[in-house]
Amino acid sequence: MPSCPDLSAIRAARQAIAGSAIRTPLVRLNATGEIYLKLENLQPIGSFKIRGAANAIAHMSADDLRKGVVTASAGNMAQGVAWRARELKIPCTVIAPETAPETKINAIERLGGRVLKVPYDAWWRAFEERCYPGVEGAFIHAFDDINVLAGNGTIGLEILEDLPDVHTIIIPWGGGGLACGIASAIRELKPSTKIFAAEVSTAAPLSVSWKAGSPQFIEPERSFVDGIGGKSVFPQMFELSKRLLDGVLVAPPSQVADALRLIAERNRIIAEGAGAAPVACALNCPSNGKVACIVSGGNIDLSKLAEIFGTK
C-alpha cells in the first residue's frame, strides 16, 4: 500500500523549506459565503510547487546531486526545482510537454533550467519511468514522492493554524501530490474536516477513476486550465486519494474562468486556471461552514488572462 508522510515528517519539512518557501496568507474571498483563499500564487515561483521541490532536494545527499537534478513538469514543479537548483548552483534539466505554456517555459529558463520539449506521451513516460533517455541527474517526481508530499503537507499545518474551525478544504488535483500532501496533515490533526479534490471537466481523470473504482485513462481536452488534468491517475496516488479524500468536485472551464475573474475583481488576486478551480467548485457546492480553497498558482499567460478578463 502506498505511504503518506506522517505528522513528524511534515513538521520537519516545514523547517527544511523555510529558506525557500514563504508562509502564504489565508484571506477571505470578498463574495457570498465563507470561502477563504490560501494564496500559494504568492510563492517566489508563483506556485506551491516550491514546497515539495525544496523538501525533496533537502533529503538528497551531495553525491545524489552531483550531476544535477531532473524533473518532468508542465511548468510549476520545474520552476520549483530550478529555483532550488539555482540556489545550490547545480544543473537542472526539465522534461516538458510540447503544449506547456510559454509563460512557464520562459520562467524555467530565467531560473537557469534547461528545458527539453517532448511529445506528450514521452513526457508521461518520464513520470512513469522516473528518468529520460540521455539525461543525467537525480530525478525529482512532481507528485509521487513522500518528501514532495511532506513539503506540500506544510500547507495543511498553516491552514489549521490560521483557520482552526475550517469545515472543508478544496484542492486542485493534477498528479495528486498537493491534495494528498495536505490531506496527510489534516487527517492527523483534524480528521473531521471534509477534503475534496477539484478538477476541470475537460480533463478529470480522478473523477472518472473515482466513479469506476480504479485508475482510468481519458483523452484530455486542452483548455486554459493547464496546471491540472492529465490522461490518467497513477495507481498509487489513486489509492492514497481513496484513503485521504472525501470525493472529487468538477467544474467546467467557463465556471473556472468566472471564478478567476471573481478572485481578481473582489480580492485583486491573479490565479491561474488550476488555482481558480477550487473556488469554482466551492461556488457550485455551498458549504454550511468555512471553506478553504487552495489557490495553487498564478502562472498564467498575460494574453490568456486578458482574453478571460474580456469575456463574460
C-alpha atoms as a PDB file:
ATOM      1  CA  MET A   1       0.000   0.000   0.000  1.00  0.00           C
ATOM      2  CA  PRO A   2       1.399   3.458  -0.888  1.00  0.00           C
ATOM      3  CA  SER A   3       2.509   5.526   2.080  1.00  0.00           C
ATOM      4  CA  CYS A   4       1.855   9.125   3.001  1.00  0.00           C
ATOM      5  CA  PRO A   5       4.015  11.293   5.253  1.00  0.00           C
ATOM      6  CA  ASP A   6       3.288  11.340   8.970  1.00  0.00           C
ATOM      7  CA  LEU A   7       2.955  14.493  11.002  1.00  0.00           C
ATOM      8  CA  SER A   8       6.570  14.433  12.171  1.00  0.00           C
ATOM      9  CA  ALA A   9       7.795  14.350   8.547  1.00  0.00           C
ATOM     10  CA  ILE A  10       5.531  17.259   7.612  1.00  0.00           C
ATOM     11  CA  ARG A  11       6.702  19.308  10.580  1.00  0.00           C
ATOM     12  CA  ALA A  12      10.311  18.528   9.681  1.00  0.00           C
ATOM     13  CA  ALA A  13       9.580  19.638   6.119  1.00  0.00           C
ATOM     14  CA  ARG A  14       8.433  22.998   7.429  1.00  0.00           C
ATOM     15  CA  GLN A  15      11.916  23.558   8.819  1.00  0.00           C
ATOM     16  CA  ALA A  16      13.641  22.203   5.713  1.00  0.00           C
ATOM     17  CA  ILE A  17      11.854  24.541   3.293  1.00  0.00           C
ATOM     18  CA  ALA A  18      11.827  27.660   5.453  1.00  0.00           C
ATOM     19  CA  GLY A  19      14.609  29.303   3.457  1.00  0.00           C
ATOM     20  CA  SER A  20      12.929  28.742   0.091  1.00  0.00           C
ATOM     21  CA  ALA A  21       9.145  28.816   0.528  1.00  0.00           C
ATOM     22  CA  ILE A  22       7.171  31.503   2.342  1.00  0.00           C
ATOM     23  CA  ARG A  23       4.208  31.119   4.675  1.00  0.00           C
ATOM     24  CA  THR A  24       1.368  32.298   2.450  1.00  0.00           C
ATOM     25  CA  PRO A  25      -1.665  34.233   3.726  1.00  0.00           C
ATOM     26  CA  LEU A  26      -5.161  32.835   4.057  1.00  0.00           C
ATOM     27  CA  VAL A  27      -7.687  35.531   3.184  1.00  0.00           C
ATOM     28  CA  ARG A  28     -11.466  35.606   2.886  1.00  0.00           C
ATOM     29  CA  LEU A  29     -12.926  35.870  -0.605  1.00  0.00           C
ATOM     30  CA  ASN A  30     -14.852  39.132  -0.747  1.00  0.00           C
ATOM     31  CA  ALA A  31     -18.016  37.474  -2.031  1.00  0.00           C
ATOM     32  CA  THR A  32     -21.008  35.485  -0.800  1.00  0.00           C
ATOM     33  CA  GLY A  33     -20.334  32.712   1.701  1.00  0.00           C
ATOM     34  CA  GLU A  34     -17.361  31.877   3.884  1.00  0.00           C
ATOM     35  CA  ILE A  35     -14.774  30.989   1.281  1.00  0.00           C
ATOM     36  CA  TYR A  36     -11.116  31.503   2.131  1.00  0.00           C
ATOM     37  CA  LEU A  37      -8.187  31.609  -0.279  1.00  0.00           C
ATOM     38  CA  LYS A  38      -4.828  30.015   0.553  1.00  0.00           C
ATOM     39  CA  LEU A  39      -2.602  32.145  -1.662  1.00  0.00           C
ATOM     40  CA  GLU A  40       0.136  29.832  -2.929  1.00  0.00           C
ATOM     41  CA  ASN A  41       0.301  32.035  -6.032  1.00  0.00           C
ATOM     42  CA  LEU A  42       2.377  34.388  -3.859  1.00  0.00           C
ATOM     43  CA  GLN A  43       5.266  31.918  -3.533  1.00  0.00           C
ATOM     44  CA  PRO A  44       8.554  33.115  -5.119  1.00  0.00           C
ATOM     45  CA  ILE A  45       7.864  30.984  -8.195  1.00  0.00           C
ATOM     46  CA  GLY A  46       4.140  31.780  -8.243  1.00  0.00           C
ATOM     47  CA  SER A  47       3.154  28.247  -7.187  1.00  0.00           C
ATOM     48  CA  PHE A  48       3.009  25.850  -4.224  1.00  0.00           C
ATOM     49  CA  LYS A  49       5.455  23.544  -6.020  1.00  0.00           C
ATOM     50  CA  ILE A  50       8.439  25.179  -4.366  1.00  0.00           C
ATOM     51  CA  ARG A  51       7.459  23.454  -1.115  1.00  0.00           C
ATOM     52  CA  GLY A  52       7.700  19.887  -2.389  1.00  0.00           C
ATOM     53  CA  ALA A  53      10.702  20.602  -4.586  1.00  0.00           C
ATOM     54  CA  ALA A  54      12.686  22.168  -1.750  1.00  0.00           C
ATOM     55  CA  ASN A  55      11.887  19.335   0.643  1.00  0.00           C
ATOM     56  CA  ALA A  56      12.741  16.624  -1.881  1.00  0.00           C
ATOM     57  CA  ILE A  57      16.123  18.207  -2.604  1.00  0.00           C
ATOM     58  CA  ALA A  58      16.767  18.690   1.118  1.00  0.00           C
ATOM     59  CA  HIS A  59      16.616  14.892   1.509  1.00  0.00           C
ATOM     60  CA  MET A  60      19.233  14.242  -1.180  1.00  0.00           C
ATOM     61  CA  SER A  61      22.922  13.862  -0.455  1.00  0.00           C
ATOM     62  CA  ALA A  62      25.688  15.835  -2.137  1.00  0.00           C
ATOM     63  CA  ASP A  63      26.564  12.701  -4.092  1.00  0.00           C
ATOM     64  CA  ASP A  64      22.938  12.346  -5.258  1.00  0.00           C
ATOM     65  CA  LEU A  65      23.022  15.923  -6.541  1.00  0.00           C
ATOM     66  CA  ARG A  66      26.490  15.764  -8.119  1.00  0.00           C
ATOM     67  CA  LYS A  67      25.127  15.572 -11.680  1.00  0.00           C
ATOM     68  CA  GLY A  68      22.276  17.967 -11.007  1.00  0.00           C
ATOM     69  CA  VAL A  69      18.530  17.387 -10.912  1.00  0.00           C
ATOM     70  CA  VAL A  70      15.898  16.372 -13.458  1.00  0.00           C
ATOM     71  CA  THR A  71      12.129  16.664 -13.344  1.00  0.00           C
ATOM     72  CA  ALA A  72       9.171  16.175 -15.656  1.00  0.00           C
ATOM     73  CA  SER A  73       6.793  19.105 -15.475  1.00  0.00           C
ATOM     74  CA  ALA A  74       4.452  21.297 -17.470  1.00  0.00           C
ATOM     75  CA  GLY A  75       5.904  24.290 -15.670  1.00  0.00           C
ATOM     76  CA  ASN A  76       5.299  24.863 -11.973  1.00  0.00           C
ATOM     77  CA  MET A  77       7.218  21.915 -10.478  1.00  0.00           C
ATOM     78  CA  ALA A  78      10.006  22.668 -12.909  1.00  0.00           C
ATOM     79  CA  GLN A  79      10.191  26.206 -11.577  1.00  0.00           C
ATOM     80  CA  GLY A  80      10.377  24.914  -8.015  1.00  0.00           C
ATOM     81  CA  VAL A  81      13.192  22.523  -8.845  1.00  0.00           C
ATOM     82  CA  ALA A  82      15.008  25.141 -10.940  1.00  0.00           C
ATOM     83  CA  TRP A  83      14.729  27.729  -8.150  1.00  0.00           C
ATOM     84  CA  ARG A  84      16.332  25.439  -5.599  1.00  0.00           C
ATOM     85  CA  ALA A  85      18.939  24.175  -8.099  1.00  0.00           C
ATOM     86  CA  ARG A  86      19.974  27.756  -8.768  1.00  0.00           C
ATOM     87  CA  GLU A  87      20.375  28.348  -5.028  1.00  0.00           C
ATOM     88  CA  LEU A  88      22.603  25.254  -4.817  1.00  0.00           C
ATOM     89  CA  LYS A  89      24.433  26.108  -8.059  1.00  0.00           C
ATOM     90  CA  ILE A  90      23.693  22.732  -9.659  1.00  0.00           C
ATOM     91  CA  PRO A  91      22.345  21.950 -13.153  1.00  0.00           C
ATOM     92  CA  CYS A  92      18.620  21.475 -13.682  1.00  0.00           C
ATOM     93  CA  THR A  93      17.000  19.778 -16.668  1.00  0.00           C
ATOM     94  CA  VAL A  94      13.256  19.864 -17.253  1.00  0.00           C
ATOM     95  CA  ILE A  95      11.316  17.440 -19.454  1.00  0.00           C
ATOM     96  CA  ALA A  96       8.281  19.433 -20.587  1.00  0.00           C
ATOM     97  CA  PRO A  97       5.375  18.595 -22.905  1.00  0.00           C
ATOM     98  CA  GLU A  98       5.266  20.431 -26.202  1.00  0.00           C
ATOM     99  CA  THR A  99       1.993  22.029 -25.094  1.00  0.00           C
ATOM    100  CA  ALA A 100       3.465  23.702 -21.995  1.00  0.00           C
ATOM    101  CA  PRO A 101       2.594  27.431 -21.772  1.00  0.00           C
ATOM    102  CA  GLU A 102       5.379  29.759 -22.878  1.00  0.00           C
ATOM    103  CA  THR A 103       4.984  31.793 -19.692  1.00  0.00           C
ATOM    104  CA  LYS A 104       6.069  28.790 -17.645  1.00  0.00           C
ATOM    105  CA  ILE A 105       8.817  27.725 -20.061  1.00  0.00           C
ATOM    106  CA  ASN A 106      10.281  31.244 -20.039  1.00  0.00           C
ATOM    107  CA  ALA A 107      10.201  31.291 -16.241  1.00  0.00           C
ATOM    108  CA  ILE A 108      12.103  27.985 -16.043  1.00  0.00           C
ATOM    109  CA  GLU A 109      14.779  29.307 -18.384  1.00  0.00           C
ATOM    110  CA  ARG A 110      15.079  32.567 -16.434  1.00  0.00           C
ATOM    111  CA  LEU A 111      15.865  30.447 -13.384  1.00  0.00           C
ATOM    112  CA  GLY A 112      18.638  28.675 -15.282  1.00  0.00           C
ATOM    113  CA  GLY A 113      16.803  25.462 -16.095  1.00  0.00           C
ATOM    114  CA  ARG A 114      17.396  23.628 -19.374  1.00  0.00           C
ATOM    115  CA  VAL A 115      14.085  22.728 -20.998  1.00  0.00           C
ATOM    116  CA  LEU A 116      13.607  19.728 -23.280  1.00  0.00           C
ATOM    117  CA  LYS A 117      10.231  19.883 -25.009  1.00  0.00           C
ATOM    118  CA  VAL A 118       8.963  16.424 -25.941  1.00  0.00           C
ATOM    119  CA  PRO A 119       5.710  14.868 -27.200  1.00  0.00           C
ATOM    120  CA  TYR A 120       3.043  14.358 -24.549  1.00  0.00           C
ATOM    121  CA  ASP A 121       3.427  10.553 -24.458  1.00  0.00           C
ATOM    122  CA  ALA A 122       7.200  10.807 -23.984  1.00  0.00           C
ATOM    123  CA  TRP A 123       6.638  13.319 -21.202  1.00  0.00           C
ATOM    124  CA  TRP A 124       4.186  10.980 -19.496  1.00  0.00           C
ATOM    125  CA  ARG A 125       6.673   8.091 -19.732  1.00  0.00           C
ATOM    126  CA  ALA A 126       9.202  10.220 -17.870  1.00  0.00           C
ATOM    127  CA  PHE A 127       6.770  10.321 -14.949  1.00  0.00           C
ATOM    128  CA  GLU A 128       6.300   6.569 -15.079  1.00  0.00           C
ATOM    129  CA  GLU A 129       9.983   5.669 -15.538  1.00  0.00           C
ATOM    130  CA  ARG A 130      11.411   8.481 -13.372  1.00  0.00           C
ATOM    131  CA  CYS A 131      14.058   9.289 -15.941  1.00  0.00           C
ATOM    132  CA  TYR A 132      14.507  10.394 -19.532  1.00  0.00           C
ATOM    133  CA  PRO A 133      16.870   8.750 -22.059  1.00  0.00           C
ATOM    134  CA  GLY A 134      20.217  10.521 -22.326  1.00  0.00           C
ATOM    135  CA  VAL A 135      19.589  12.907 -19.413  1.00  0.00           C
ATOM    136  CA  GLU A 136      21.672  12.606 -16.251  1.00  0.00           C
ATOM    137  CA  GLY A 137      20.758  13.821 -12.801  1.00  0.00           C
ATOM    138  CA  ALA A 138      18.713  12.949  -9.719  1.00  0.00           C
ATOM    139  CA  PHE A 139      15.072  12.654 -10.763  1.00  0.00           C
ATOM    140  CA  ILE A 140      12.531  14.558  -8.674  1.00  0.00           C
ATOM    141  CA  HIS A 141       8.992  13.348  -9.205  1.00  0.00           C
ATOM    142  CA  ALA A 142       6.392  16.083  -9.295  1.00  0.00           C
ATOM    143  CA  PHE A 143       3.915  14.276  -7.038  1.00  0.00           C
ATOM    144  CA  ASP A 144       4.660  10.581  -6.361  1.00  0.00           C
ATOM    145  CA  ASP A 145       7.357  11.161  -3.748  1.00  0.00           C
ATOM    146  CA  ILE A 146       6.879  11.059   0.004  1.00  0.00           C
ATOM    147  CA  ASN A 147       9.183  14.055   0.543  1.00  0.00           C
ATOM    148  CA  VAL A 148       7.265  16.095  -2.033  1.00  0.00           C
ATOM    149  CA  LEU A 149       4.046  15.124  -0.247  1.00  0.00           C
ATOM    150  CA  ALA A 150       5.521  16.196   3.092  1.00  0.00           C
ATOM    151  CA  GLY A 151       6.556  19.557   1.679  1.00  0.00           C
ATOM    152  CA  ASN A 152       3.064  20.102   0.315  1.00  0.00           C
ATOM    153  CA  GLY A 153       1.617  18.974   3.625  1.00  0.00           C
ATOM    154  CA  THR A 154       3.006  22.096   5.306  1.00  0.00           C
ATOM    155  CA  ILE A 155       0.102  23.967   3.694  1.00  0.00           C
ATOM    156  CA  GLY A 156      -2.243  21.900   5.844  1.00  0.00           C
ATOM    157  CA  LEU A 157      -0.414  22.946   9.010  1.00  0.00           C
ATOM    158  CA  GLU A 158      -0.749  26.606   8.070  1.00  0.00           C
ATOM    159  CA  ILE A 159      -4.457  26.349   7.237  1.00  0.00           C
ATOM    160  CA  LEU A 160      -5.316  24.824  10.618  1.00  0.00           C
ATOM    161  CA  GLU A 161      -3.244  27.440  12.444  1.00  0.00           C
ATOM    162  CA  ASP A 162      -4.978  30.305  10.615  1.00  0.00           C
ATOM    163  CA  LEU A 163      -8.483  28.799  10.361  1.00  0.00           C
ATOM    164  CA  PRO A 164      -8.839  26.117  13.063  1.00  0.00           C
ATOM    165  CA  ASP A 165     -12.600  25.781  12.519  1.00  0.00           C
ATOM    166  CA  VAL A 166     -12.301  25.107   8.793  1.00  0.00           C
ATOM    167  CA  HIS A 167     -15.081  22.775   7.657  1.00  0.00           C
ATOM    168  CA  THR A 168     -13.995  21.933   4.099  1.00  0.00           C
ATOM    169  CA  ILE A 169     -10.785  22.158   2.076  1.00  0.00           C
ATOM    170  CA  ILE A 170     -10.855  22.039  -1.727  1.00  0.00           C
ATOM    171  CA  ILE A 171      -7.583  21.304  -3.505  1.00  0.00           C
ATOM    172  CA  PRO A 172      -6.676  21.193  -7.225  1.00  0.00           C
ATOM    173  CA  TRP A 173      -5.862  17.700  -8.472  1.00  0.00           C
ATOM    174  CA  GLY A 174      -3.086  17.417 -11.024  1.00  0.00           C
ATOM    175  CA  GLY A 175      -0.996  14.402 -10.104  1.00  0.00           C
ATOM    176  CA  GLY A 176      -2.323  14.281  -6.555  1.00  0.00           C
ATOM    177  CA  GLY A 177       0.763  15.431  -4.666  1.00  0.00           C
ATOM    178  CA  LEU A 178      -0.854  18.617  -3.401  1.00  0.00           C
ATOM    179  CA  ALA A 179      -4.176  17.092  -2.358  1.00  0.00           C
ATOM    180  CA  CYS A 180      -2.659  14.008  -0.730  1.00  0.00           C
ATOM    181  CA  GLY A 181       0.091  16.012   0.969  1.00  0.00           C
ATOM    182  CA  ILE A 182      -2.328  18.484   2.557  1.00  0.00           C
ATOM    183  CA  ALA A 183      -4.760  15.712   3.459  1.00  0.00           C
ATOM    184  CA  SER A 184      -1.968  13.760   5.187  1.00  0.00           C
ATOM    185  CA  ALA A 185      -1.592  16.624   7.666  1.00  0.00           C
ATOM    186  CA  ILE A 186      -5.291  17.357   8.074  1.00  0.00           C
ATOM    187  CA  ARG A 187      -6.291  13.735   8.694  1.00  0.00           C
ATOM    188  CA  GLU A 188      -3.924  13.581  11.675  1.00  0.00           C
ATOM    189  CA  LEU A 189      -4.779  16.965  13.155  1.00  0.00           C
ATOM    190  CA  LYS A 190      -8.477  17.475  12.317  1.00  0.00           C
ATOM    191  CA  PRO A 191      -9.873  14.280  10.783  1.00  0.00           C
ATOM    192  CA  SER A 192     -13.458  15.563  10.697  1.00  0.00           C
ATOM    193  CA  THR A 193     -12.542  18.118   8.015  1.00  0.00           C
ATOM    194  CA  LYS A 194     -14.041  17.422   4.605  1.00  0.00           C
ATOM    195  CA  ILE A 195     -11.375  17.318   1.878  1.00  0.00           C
ATOM    196  CA  PHE A 196     -12.202  17.362  -1.823  1.00  0.00           C
ATOM    197  CA  ALA A 197     -10.121  17.314  -4.977  1.00  0.00           C
ATOM    198  CA  ALA A 198     -11.022  19.833  -7.690  1.00  0.00           C
ATOM    199  CA  GLU A 199     -10.803  19.049 -11.398  1.00  0.00           C
ATOM    200  CA  VAL A 200     -11.857  20.716 -14.626  1.00  0.00           C
ATOM    201  CA  SER A 201     -14.453  18.883 -16.713  1.00  0.00           C
ATOM    202  CA  THR A 202     -12.291  18.811 -19.849  1.00  0.00           C
ATOM    203  CA  ALA A 203      -9.624  16.749 -18.058  1.00  0.00           C
ATOM    204  CA  ALA A 204     -10.920  14.943 -14.974  1.00  0.00           C
ATOM    205  CA  PRO A 205      -9.191  11.569 -14.693  1.00  0.00           C
ATOM    206  CA  LEU A 206      -9.645  11.343 -10.925  1.00  0.00           C
ATOM    207  CA  SER A 207     -13.405  11.875 -11.153  1.00  0.00           C
ATOM    208  CA  VAL A 208     -13.717   9.169 -13.801  1.00  0.00           C
ATOM    209  CA  SER A 209     -11.444   6.824 -11.833  1.00  0.00           C
ATOM    210  CA  TRP A 210     -13.269   7.519  -8.562  1.00  0.00           C
ATOM    211  CA  LYS A 211     -16.589   6.522 -10.129  1.00  0.00           C
ATOM    212  CA  ALA A 212     -15.097   3.406 -11.741  1.00  0.00           C
ATOM    213  CA  GLY A 213     -13.277   2.337  -8.589  1.00  0.00           C
ATOM    214  CA  SER A 214      -9.912   2.022 -10.347  1.00  0.00           C
ATOM    215  CA  PRO A 215      -7.496   4.225 -12.336  1.00  0.00           C
ATOM    216  CA  GLN A 216      -8.883   5.017 -15.768  1.00  0.00           C
ATOM    217  CA  PHE A 217      -7.421   6.577 -18.910  1.00  0.00           C
ATOM    218  CA  ILE A 218      -9.119   9.526 -20.582  1.00  0.00           C
ATOM    219  CA  GLU A 219      -8.451  11.768 -23.565  1.00  0.00           C
ATOM    220  CA  PRO A 220      -7.974  15.219 -22.014  1.00  0.00           C
ATOM    221  CA  GLU A 221      -9.121  18.274 -23.926  1.00  0.00           C
ATOM    222  CA  ARG A 222      -6.917  21.354 -23.943  1.00  0.00           C
ATOM    223  CA  SER A 223      -8.139  24.457 -22.155  1.00  0.00           C
ATOM    224  CA  PHE A 224      -6.638  27.448 -20.394  1.00  0.00           C
ATOM    225  CA  VAL A 225      -6.642  25.305 -17.225  1.00  0.00           C
ATOM    226  CA  ASP A 226      -3.230  23.788 -17.926  1.00  0.00           C
ATOM    227  CA  GLY A 227      -1.919  23.139 -14.403  1.00  0.00           C
ATOM    228  CA  ILE A 228      -4.253  20.203 -13.732  1.00  0.00           C
ATOM    229  CA  GLY A 229      -5.721  17.384 -15.783  1.00  0.00           C
ATOM    230  CA  GLY A 230      -3.761  14.514 -17.269  1.00  0.00           C
ATOM    231  CA  LYS A 231      -4.693  11.379 -19.137  1.00  0.00           C
ATOM    232  CA  SER A 232      -4.755   9.127 -16.079  1.00  0.00           C
ATOM    233  CA  VAL A 233      -4.151   8.799 -12.353  1.00  0.00           C
ATOM    234  CA  PHE A 234      -1.111   6.947 -11.032  1.00  0.00           C
ATOM    235  CA  PRO A 235      -2.357   3.794  -9.225  1.00  0.00           C
ATOM    236  CA  GLN A 236      -0.505   4.651  -6.030  1.00  0.00           C
ATOM    237  CA  MET A 237      -1.924   8.195  -5.995  1.00  0.00           C
ATOM    238  CA  PHE A 238      -5.401   6.816  -6.638  1.00  0.00           C
ATOM    239  CA  GLU A 239      -5.077   4.562  -3.588  1.00  0.00           C
ATOM    240  CA  LEU A 240      -3.954   7.497  -1.462  1.00  0.00           C
ATOM    241  CA  SER A 241      -6.863   9.604  -2.712  1.00  0.00           C
ATOM    242  CA  LYS A 242      -9.356   6.930  -1.680  1.00  0.00           C
ATOM    243  CA  ARG A 243      -7.821   6.812   1.814  1.00  0.00           C
ATOM    244  CA  LEU A 244      -7.452  10.545   2.339  1.00  0.00           C
ATOM    245  CA  LEU A 245     -10.151  12.389   0.387  1.00  0.00           C
ATOM    246  CA  ASP A 246     -13.922  12.627   0.703  1.00  0.00           C
ATOM    247  CA  GLY A 247     -14.583  12.983  -3.005  1.00  0.00           C
ATOM    248  CA  VAL A 248     -13.972  14.855  -6.235  1.00  0.00           C
ATOM    249  CA  LEU A 249     -15.622  18.070  -7.436  1.00  0.00           C
ATOM    250  CA  VAL A 250     -15.612  19.068 -11.096  1.00  0.00           C
ATOM    251  CA  ALA A 251     -16.210  22.450 -12.741  1.00  0.00           C
ATOM    252  CA  PRO A 252     -16.330  23.333 -16.459  1.00  0.00           C
ATOM    253  CA  PRO A 253     -13.741  25.777 -17.845  1.00  0.00           C
ATOM    254  CA  SER A 254     -16.393  28.504 -18.136  1.00  0.00           C
ATOM    255  CA  GLN A 255     -17.025  28.405 -14.388  1.00  0.00           C
ATOM    256  CA  VAL A 256     -13.301  28.319 -13.661  1.00  0.00           C
ATOM    257  CA  ALA A 257     -12.955  31.462 -15.795  1.00  0.00           C
ATOM    258  CA  ASP A 258     -15.801  33.070 -13.831  1.00  0.00           C
ATOM    259  CA  ALA A 259     -14.030  32.208 -10.573  1.00  0.00           C
ATOM    260  CA  LEU A 260     -10.738  33.589 -11.880  1.00  0.00           C
ATOM    261  CA  ARG A 261     -12.448  36.883 -12.730  1.00  0.00           C
ATOM    262  CA  LEU A 262     -14.206  36.979  -9.351  1.00  0.00           C
ATOM    263  CA  ILE A 263     -10.961  36.484  -7.438  1.00  0.00           C
ATOM    264  CA  ALA A 264      -9.345  39.288  -9.446  1.00  0.00           C
ATOM    265  CA  GLU A 265     -12.283  41.682  -9.142  1.00  0.00           C
ATOM    266  CA  ARG A 266     -13.031  41.161  -5.451  1.00  0.00           C
ATOM    267  CA  ASN A 267      -9.578  40.465  -3.995  1.00  0.00           C
ATOM    268  CA  ARG A 268      -7.211  41.817  -6.658  1.00  0.00           C
ATOM    269  CA  ILE A 269      -5.512  38.417  -6.875  1.00  0.00           C
ATOM    270  CA  ILE A 270      -4.288  36.749 -10.070  1.00  0.00           C
ATOM    271  CA  ALA A 271      -4.766  32.983 -10.223  1.00  0.00           C
ATOM    272  CA  GLU A 272      -4.035  30.510 -12.984  1.00  0.00           C
ATOM    273  CA  GLY A 273      -6.797  28.152 -14.059  1.00  0.00           C
ATOM    274  CA  ALA A 274      -5.769  25.372 -11.682  1.00  0.00           C
ATOM    275  CA  GLY A 275      -5.732  27.844  -8.796  1.00  0.00           C
ATOM    276  CA  ALA A 276      -9.226  29.110  -9.588  1.00  0.00           C
ATOM    277  CA  ALA A 277     -10.753  25.627  -9.986  1.00  0.00           C
ATOM    278  CA  PRO A 278     -11.323  25.052  -6.229  1.00  0.00           C
ATOM    279  CA  VAL A 279     -13.137  28.381  -5.985  1.00  0.00           C
ATOM    280  CA  ALA A 280     -15.364  27.445  -8.922  1.00  0.00           C
ATOM    281  CA  CYS A 281     -16.191  24.179  -7.160  1.00  0.00           C
ATOM    282  CA  ALA A 282     -16.837  25.946  -3.841  1.00  0.00           C
ATOM    283  CA  LEU A 283     -19.246  28.375  -5.505  1.00  0.00           C
ATOM    284  CA  ASN A 284     -21.074  25.443  -7.126  1.00  0.00           C
ATOM    285  CA  CYS A 285     -21.371  23.439  -3.891  1.00  0.00           C
ATOM    286  CA  PRO A 286     -22.070  25.819  -0.990  1.00  0.00           C
ATOM    287  CA  SER A 287     -20.978  24.571   2.437  1.00  0.00           C
ATOM    288  CA  ASN A 288     -22.536  25.191   5.846  1.00  0.00           C
ATOM    289  CA  GLY A 289     -19.116  26.023   7.236  1.00  0.00           C
ATOM    290  CA  LYS A 290     -15.856  27.700   6.334  1.00  0.00           C
ATOM    291  CA  VAL A 291     -14.243  26.527   3.103  1.00  0.00           C
ATOM    292  CA  ALA A 292     -10.526  26.889   2.341  1.00  0.00           C
ATOM    293  CA  CYS A 293      -9.638  26.841  -1.346  1.00  0.00           C
ATOM    294  CA  ILE A 294      -6.039  26.286  -2.374  1.00  0.00           C
ATOM    295  CA  VAL A 295      -5.084  28.897  -4.973  1.00  0.00           C
ATOM    296  CA  SER A 296      -2.256  26.689  -6.134  1.00  0.00           C
ATOM    297  CA  GLY A 297      -0.579  29.116  -8.517  1.00  0.00           C
ATOM    298  CA  GLY A 298      -0.778  32.304 -10.532  1.00  0.00           C
ATOM    299  CA  ASN A 299       1.381  31.493 -13.555  1.00  0.00           C
ATOM    300  CA  ILE A 300      -0.939  32.320 -16.425  1.00  0.00           C
ATOM    301  CA  ASP A 301      -0.065  33.845 -19.792  1.00  0.00           C
ATOM    302  CA  LEU A 302      -0.963  37.548 -19.734  1.00  0.00           C
ATOM    303  CA  SER A 303      -2.558  37.283 -23.173  1.00  0.00           C
ATOM    304  CA  LYS A 304      -4.805  34.457 -21.916  1.00  0.00           C
ATOM    305  CA  LEU A 305      -5.590  36.452 -18.793  1.00  0.00           C
ATOM    306  CA  ALA A 306      -6.589  39.465 -20.879  1.00  0.00           C
ATOM    307  CA  GLU A 307      -8.792  37.220 -23.026  1.00  0.00           C
ATOM    308  CA  ILE A 308     -10.550  35.815 -19.953  1.00  0.00           C
ATOM    309  CA  PHE A 309     -10.996  39.265 -18.427  1.00  0.00           C
ATOM    310  CA  GLY A 310     -12.553  40.460 -21.692  1.00  0.00           C
ATOM    311  CA  THR A 311     -15.069  37.601 -21.880  1.00  0.00           C
ATOM    312  CA  LYS A 312     -18.301  37.382 -19.905  1.00  0.00           C
END
